Amino acid sequence: QVQLVESGGGLAQAGESLRLSCEVSGSISSLDGIGWYRQVPRRPRELVAKFSILGAPIFVDDVRGRFAIFKDNTKNSVDLQMDNLKQKDTPVYYCNRYSCRLYPWGRGTQVTVSS
């Protein structure tokens, strides 16, 4: 059973940075195909960061240029570096696969950005 554990969220002021980490445990062959989602109340989860088939990072428009996504095979984690945070970056963030059947969802990590 694969388990996803998100961490690194918290309170930040607009313009500051946070780094989220997704630790993956269980029977997986690689970290390929794992990205980051966000969810605000009463809205579906939205994929905000992933890797292309060639491994290049891909982001939704409103975070491009501010977020970066990294794979760390030594820690078995996929990290999301969030720079120049804005108040709209305040949902709960989750990691999971995006190109095939999802793993069980983790609890996510809450990011709260104040002005």
N, C-alpha and C. Protein backbone atom coordinates (compact mmCIF):
# COMPACT_ATOMS: atom_id res chain seq x y z
N GLN A 1 0.85 -1.19 0.00
CA GLN A 1 0.00 0.00 0.00
C GLN A 1 0.89 1.24 0.00
N VAL A 2 0.65 2.11 -0.96
CA VAL A 2 1.42 3.35 -1.04
C VAL A 2 0.80 4.37 -0.10
N GLN A 3 1.66 5.08 0.60
CA GLN A 3 1.19 6.13 1.50
C GLN A 3 1.85 7.45 1.11
N LEU A 4 1.06 8.50 1.06
CA LEU A 4 1.54 9.84 0.75
C LEU A 4 1.38 10.70 1.98
N VAL A 5 2.46 11.37 2.38
CA VAL A 5 2.41 12.24 3.54
C VAL A 5 2.93 13.61 3.15
N GLU A 6 2.05 14.59 3.17
CA GLU A 6 2.42 15.96 2.83
C GLU A 6 2.80 16.73 4.09
N SER A 7 3.78 17.60 3.96
CA SER A 7 4.20 18.42 5.09
C SER A 7 4.77 19.72 4.57
N GLY A 8 5.04 20.63 5.49
CA GLY A 8 5.70 21.87 5.14
C GLY A 8 4.80 23.08 5.05
N GLY A 9 3.51 22.87 5.14
CA GLY A 9 2.60 24.00 5.09
C GLY A 9 2.67 24.82 6.37
N GLY A 10 1.94 25.90 6.38
CA GLY A 10 1.94 26.76 7.56
C GLY A 10 1.52 28.15 7.19
N LEU A 11 1.86 29.07 8.08
CA LEU A 11 1.49 30.46 7.91
C LEU A 11 2.67 31.23 7.32
N ALA A 12 2.40 32.01 6.31
CA ALA A 12 3.42 32.84 5.71
C ALA A 12 2.80 34.17 5.32
N GLN A 13 3.63 35.15 5.18
CA GLN A 13 3.15 36.45 4.69
C GLN A 13 3.33 36.51 3.19
N ALA A 14 2.53 37.33 2.57
CA ALA A 14 2.64 37.52 1.13
C ALA A 14 4.07 37.91 0.78
N GLY A 15 4.59 37.27 -0.25
CA GLY A 15 5.96 37.53 -0.68
C GLY A 15 6.98 36.56 -0.12
N GLU A 16 6.60 35.83 0.91
CA GLU A 16 7.52 34.87 1.52
C GLU A 16 7.48 33.54 0.76
N SER A 17 8.26 32.58 1.27
CA SER A 17 8.37 31.28 0.60
C SER A 17 8.04 30.16 1.56
N LEU A 18 7.57 29.07 1.01
CA LEU A 18 7.39 27.81 1.74
C LEU A 18 7.83 26.67 0.84
N ARG A 19 8.27 25.61 1.46
CA ARG A 19 8.62 24.41 0.69
C ARG A 19 7.80 23.25 1.24
N LEU A 20 6.98 22.69 0.39
CA LEU A 20 6.16 21.55 0.76
C LEU A 20 6.88 20.27 0.36
N SER A 21 6.67 19.23 1.15
CA SER A 21 7.31 17.95 0.86
C SER A 21 6.26 16.86 0.83
N CYS A 22 6.37 15.97 -0.12
CA CYS A 22 5.50 14.81 -0.24
C CYS A 22 6.36 13.56 -0.09
N GLU A 23 6.26 12.93 1.05
CA GLU A 23 7.02 11.70 1.27
C GLU A 23 6.18 10.51 0.82
N VAL A 24 6.79 9.69 -0.01
CA VAL A 24 6.10 8.55 -0.60
C VAL A 24 6.67 7.26 -0.01
N SER A 25 5.83 6.45 0.55
CA SER A 25 6.29 5.17 1.09
C SER A 25 5.43 4.05 0.53
N GLY A 26 5.98 2.86 0.52
CA GLY A 26 5.25 1.72 -0.01
C GLY A 26 5.87 1.22 -1.29
N SER A 27 5.14 0.41 -1.99
CA SER A 27 5.66 -0.28 -3.17
C SER A 27 5.48 0.57 -4.43
N ILE A 28 6.45 1.41 -4.68
CA ILE A 28 6.44 2.16 -5.93
C ILE A 28 7.79 1.97 -6.60
N SER A 29 7.78 2.03 -7.92
CA SER A 29 9.03 1.83 -8.65
C SER A 29 9.78 3.14 -8.85
N SER A 30 9.05 4.26 -8.89
CA SER A 30 9.70 5.55 -9.06
C SER A 30 8.75 6.65 -8.64
N LEU A 31 9.28 7.86 -8.59
CA LEU A 31 8.47 9.03 -8.25
C LEU A 31 7.85 9.66 -9.49
N ASP A 32 8.06 9.06 -10.63
CA ASP A 32 7.49 9.61 -11.86
C ASP A 32 5.98 9.65 -11.76
N GLY A 33 5.41 10.68 -12.29
CA GLY A 33 3.96 10.76 -12.34
C GLY A 33 3.31 11.28 -11.07
N ILE A 34 4.10 11.79 -10.13
CA ILE A 34 3.54 12.38 -8.92
C ILE A 34 3.66 13.89 -8.99
N GLY A 35 2.57 14.56 -8.76
CA GLY A 35 2.56 16.01 -8.80
C GLY A 35 1.84 16.57 -7.58
N TRP A 36 1.59 17.87 -7.62
CA TRP A 36 0.94 18.56 -6.52
C TRP A 36 -0.41 19.14 -6.95
N TYR A 37 -1.37 18.98 -6.06
CA TYR A 37 -2.72 19.50 -6.26
C TYR A 37 -3.02 20.52 -5.17
N ARG A 38 -4.02 21.33 -5.42
CA ARG A 38 -4.53 22.22 -4.38
C ARG A 38 -6.04 22.12 -4.37
N GLN A 39 -6.60 22.43 -3.20
CA GLN A 39 -8.05 22.40 -3.08
C GLN A 39 -8.51 23.48 -2.14
N VAL A 40 -9.44 24.29 -2.60
CA VAL A 40 -10.11 25.27 -1.75
C VAL A 40 -11.47 24.69 -1.41
N PRO A 41 -12.07 25.15 -0.32
CA PRO A 41 -13.37 24.58 0.09
C PRO A 41 -14.40 24.66 -1.03
N ARG A 42 -15.16 23.59 -1.17
CA ARG A 42 -16.28 23.51 -2.12
C ARG A 42 -15.83 23.52 -3.58
N ARG A 43 -14.54 23.30 -3.81
CA ARG A 43 -14.07 23.20 -5.19
C ARG A 43 -13.31 21.90 -5.36
N PRO A 44 -13.29 21.34 -6.57
CA PRO A 44 -12.52 20.10 -6.76
C PRO A 44 -11.02 20.36 -6.67
N ARG A 45 -10.30 19.30 -6.40
CA ARG A 45 -8.84 19.43 -6.38
C ARG A 45 -8.33 19.74 -7.77
N GLU A 46 -7.33 20.60 -7.81
CA GLU A 46 -6.76 21.06 -9.08
C GLU A 46 -5.28 20.72 -9.11
N LEU A 47 -4.85 20.12 -10.20
CA LEU A 47 -3.43 19.82 -10.37
C LEU A 47 -2.70 21.10 -10.70
N VAL A 48 -1.72 21.47 -9.90
CA VAL A 48 -1.02 22.73 -10.13
C VAL A 48 0.42 22.54 -10.59
N ALA A 49 1.01 21.40 -10.33
CA ALA A 49 2.41 21.18 -10.73
C ALA A 49 2.62 19.71 -11.04
N LYS A 50 3.28 19.47 -12.13
CA LYS A 50 3.58 18.10 -12.53
C LYS A 50 4.80 18.11 -13.44
N PHE A 51 5.15 16.94 -13.95
CA PHE A 51 6.26 16.82 -14.90
C PHE A 51 5.72 16.37 -16.24
N SER A 52 6.32 16.91 -17.29
CA SER A 52 5.95 16.44 -18.63
C SER A 52 6.51 15.04 -18.84
N ILE A 53 6.15 14.46 -19.96
CA ILE A 53 6.63 13.11 -20.27
C ILE A 53 8.15 13.09 -20.42
N LEU A 54 8.73 14.23 -20.72
CA LEU A 54 10.19 14.33 -20.83
C LEU A 54 10.83 14.81 -19.54
N GLY A 55 10.01 15.01 -18.50
CA GLY A 55 10.56 15.38 -17.21
C GLY A 55 10.60 16.87 -16.92
N ALA A 56 10.13 17.69 -17.83
CA ALA A 56 10.12 19.14 -17.60
C ALA A 56 8.94 19.50 -16.69
N PRO A 57 9.14 20.44 -15.78
CA PRO A 57 8.04 20.82 -14.90
C PRO A 57 6.97 21.62 -15.65
N ILE A 58 5.73 21.40 -15.28
CA ILE A 58 4.59 22.09 -15.87
C ILE A 58 3.73 22.63 -14.74
N PHE A 59 3.29 23.87 -14.86
CA PHE A 59 2.51 24.52 -13.81
C PHE A 59 1.27 25.16 -14.40
N VAL A 60 0.28 25.35 -13.54
CA VAL A 60 -0.86 26.16 -13.97
C VAL A 60 -0.41 27.61 -14.05
N ASP A 61 -1.17 28.40 -14.79
CA ASP A 61 -0.73 29.75 -15.12
C ASP A 61 -0.44 30.61 -13.90
N ASP A 62 -1.27 30.53 -12.87
CA ASP A 62 -1.13 31.51 -11.79
C ASP A 62 0.01 31.20 -10.83
N VAL A 63 0.70 30.08 -11.01
CA VAL A 63 1.86 29.81 -10.15
C VAL A 63 3.15 29.70 -10.97
N ARG A 64 3.03 29.70 -12.27
CA ARG A 64 4.22 29.59 -13.11
C ARG A 64 5.14 30.76 -12.85
N GLY A 65 6.42 30.46 -12.67
CA GLY A 65 7.39 31.50 -12.36
C GLY A 65 7.58 31.72 -10.87
N ARG A 66 6.67 31.18 -10.07
CA ARG A 66 6.78 31.35 -8.61
C ARG A 66 6.99 30.00 -7.91
N PHE A 67 6.50 28.93 -8.49
CA PHE A 67 6.62 27.60 -7.89
C PHE A 67 7.62 26.77 -8.68
N ALA A 68 8.23 25.84 -7.99
CA ALA A 68 9.12 24.85 -8.63
C ALA A 68 8.83 23.49 -8.01
N ILE A 69 9.03 22.46 -8.79
CA ILE A 69 8.77 21.10 -8.30
C ILE A 69 10.02 20.27 -8.48
N PHE A 70 10.34 19.48 -7.46
CA PHE A 70 11.57 18.70 -7.45
C PHE A 70 11.29 17.27 -7.02
N LYS A 71 12.03 16.36 -7.58
CA LYS A 71 12.01 14.97 -7.11
C LYS A 71 13.30 14.69 -6.37
N ASP A 72 13.21 14.08 -5.20
CA ASP A 72 14.39 13.70 -4.43
C ASP A 72 14.33 12.20 -4.22
N ASN A 73 15.07 11.48 -5.05
CA ASN A 73 15.01 10.02 -4.97
C ASN A 73 15.68 9.49 -3.71
N THR A 74 16.57 10.27 -3.09
CA THR A 74 17.21 9.80 -1.86
C THR A 74 16.24 9.83 -0.68
N LYS A 75 15.33 10.78 -0.70
CA LYS A 75 14.32 10.88 0.37
C LYS A 75 12.99 10.27 -0.05
N ASN A 76 12.90 9.84 -1.29
CA ASN A 76 11.63 9.36 -1.83
C ASN A 76 10.54 10.41 -1.67
N SER A 77 10.85 11.62 -2.10
CA SER A 77 9.89 12.70 -1.94
C SER A 77 9.80 13.55 -3.19
N VAL A 78 8.68 14.23 -3.31
CA VAL A 78 8.47 15.22 -4.36
C VAL A 78 8.15 16.54 -3.66
N ASP A 79 8.98 17.54 -3.84
CA ASP A 79 8.84 18.80 -3.13
C ASP A 79 8.26 19.88 -4.03
N LEU A 80 7.56 20.81 -3.41
CA LEU A 80 7.02 21.97 -4.12
C LEU A 80 7.56 23.22 -3.44
N GLN A 81 8.43 23.92 -4.14
CA GLN A 81 8.97 25.18 -3.63
C GLN A 81 8.04 26.30 -4.06
N MET A 82 7.55 27.05 -3.11
CA MET A 82 6.58 28.10 -3.38
C MET A 82 7.20 29.43 -2.99
N ASP A 83 7.51 30.25 -3.95
CA ASP A 83 8.11 31.56 -3.71
C ASP A 83 7.12 32.67 -4.02
N ASN A 84 7.40 33.84 -3.47
CA ASN A 84 6.55 35.01 -3.73
C ASN A 84 5.08 34.65 -3.52
N LEU A 85 4.80 34.12 -2.34
CA LEU A 85 3.44 33.66 -2.06
C LEU A 85 2.45 34.80 -2.13
N LYS A 86 1.26 34.47 -2.59
CA LYS A 86 0.15 35.41 -2.67
C LYS A 86 -1.00 34.86 -1.84
N GLN A 87 -1.92 35.75 -1.48
CA GLN A 87 -3.04 35.31 -0.65
C GLN A 87 -3.85 34.21 -1.32
N LYS A 88 -3.92 34.21 -2.63
CA LYS A 88 -4.68 33.18 -3.33
C LYS A 88 -4.01 31.81 -3.26
N ASP A 89 -2.78 31.73 -2.74
CA ASP A 89 -2.07 30.46 -2.62
C ASP A 89 -2.44 29.76 -1.33
N THR A 90 -3.58 30.02 -0.79
CA THR A 90 -3.98 29.58 0.54
C THR A 90 -4.80 28.30 0.62
N PRO A 91 -4.89 27.45 -0.37
CA PRO A 91 -5.65 26.22 -0.18
C PRO A 91 -4.86 25.14 0.56
N VAL A 92 -5.45 23.96 0.67
CA VAL A 92 -4.77 22.77 1.15
C VAL A 92 -4.08 22.13 -0.06
N TYR A 93 -2.85 21.71 0.14
CA TYR A 93 -2.07 21.12 -0.94
C TYR A 93 -1.92 19.62 -0.70
N TYR A 94 -2.07 18.88 -1.77
CA TYR A 94 -1.95 17.42 -1.75
C TYR A 94 -1.02 16.99 -2.87
N CYS A 95 -0.41 15.84 -2.69
CA CYS A 95 0.35 15.24 -3.78
C CYS A 95 -0.32 13.93 -4.17
N ASN A 96 -0.15 13.54 -5.41
CA ASN A 96 -0.67 12.27 -5.89
C ASN A 96 -0.25 12.10 -7.34
N ARG A 97 -0.56 10.95 -7.87
CA ARG A 97 -0.27 10.72 -9.28
C ARG A 97 -1.24 11.53 -10.13
N TYR A 98 -0.86 11.74 -11.39
CA TYR A 98 -1.73 12.50 -12.27
C TYR A 98 -1.95 11.84 -13.61
N SER A 99 -1.20 10.80 -13.93
CA SER A 99 -1.33 10.21 -15.27
C SER A 99 -1.91 8.81 -15.25
N CYS A 100 -2.16 8.27 -14.08
CA CYS A 100 -2.77 6.95 -13.98
C CYS A 100 -3.52 6.87 -12.66
N ARG A 101 -3.93 5.69 -12.29
CA ARG A 101 -4.78 5.56 -11.12
C ARG A 101 -4.16 6.19 -9.88
N LEU A 102 -4.98 6.96 -9.18
CA LEU A 102 -4.50 7.67 -8.01
C LEU A 102 -4.15 6.72 -6.88
N TYR A 103 -3.19 7.13 -6.09
CA TYR A 103 -2.93 6.48 -4.81
C TYR A 103 -3.97 6.99 -3.80
N PRO A 104 -4.10 6.33 -2.65
CA PRO A 104 -4.95 6.91 -1.61
C PRO A 104 -4.45 8.30 -1.23
N TRP A 105 -5.35 9.24 -1.09
CA TRP A 105 -4.96 10.61 -0.77
C TRP A 105 -4.40 10.71 0.64
N GLY A 106 -3.39 11.55 0.80
CA GLY A 106 -2.91 11.89 2.12
C GLY A 106 -3.80 12.95 2.74
N ARG A 107 -3.38 13.46 3.88
CA ARG A 107 -4.18 14.46 4.59
C ARG A 107 -3.96 15.86 4.04
N GLY A 108 -2.95 16.03 3.25
CA GLY A 108 -2.66 17.35 2.72
C GLY A 108 -1.96 18.23 3.73
N THR A 109 -1.54 19.38 3.27
CA THR A 109 -0.91 20.35 4.15
C THR A 109 -1.47 21.73 3.83
N GLN A 110 -1.88 22.42 4.87
CA GLN A 110 -2.56 23.72 4.71
C GLN A 110 -1.54 24.83 4.59
N VAL A 111 -1.73 25.67 3.61
CA VAL A 111 -0.92 26.88 3.47
C VAL A 111 -1.84 28.07 3.70
N THR A 112 -1.41 28.98 4.54
CA THR A 112 -2.17 30.19 4.82
C THR A 112 -1.26 31.39 4.59
N VAL A 113 -1.66 32.23 3.66
CA VAL A 113 -0.86 33.40 3.32
C VAL A 113 -1.61 34.65 3.76
N SER A 114 -0.96 35.44 4.57
CA SER A 114 -1.58 36.68 5.03
C SER A 114 -0.96 37.86 4.30
N SER A 115 -1.73 38.92 4.23
CA SER A 115 -1.24 40.10 3.50
C SER A 115 -0.32 40.93 4.38
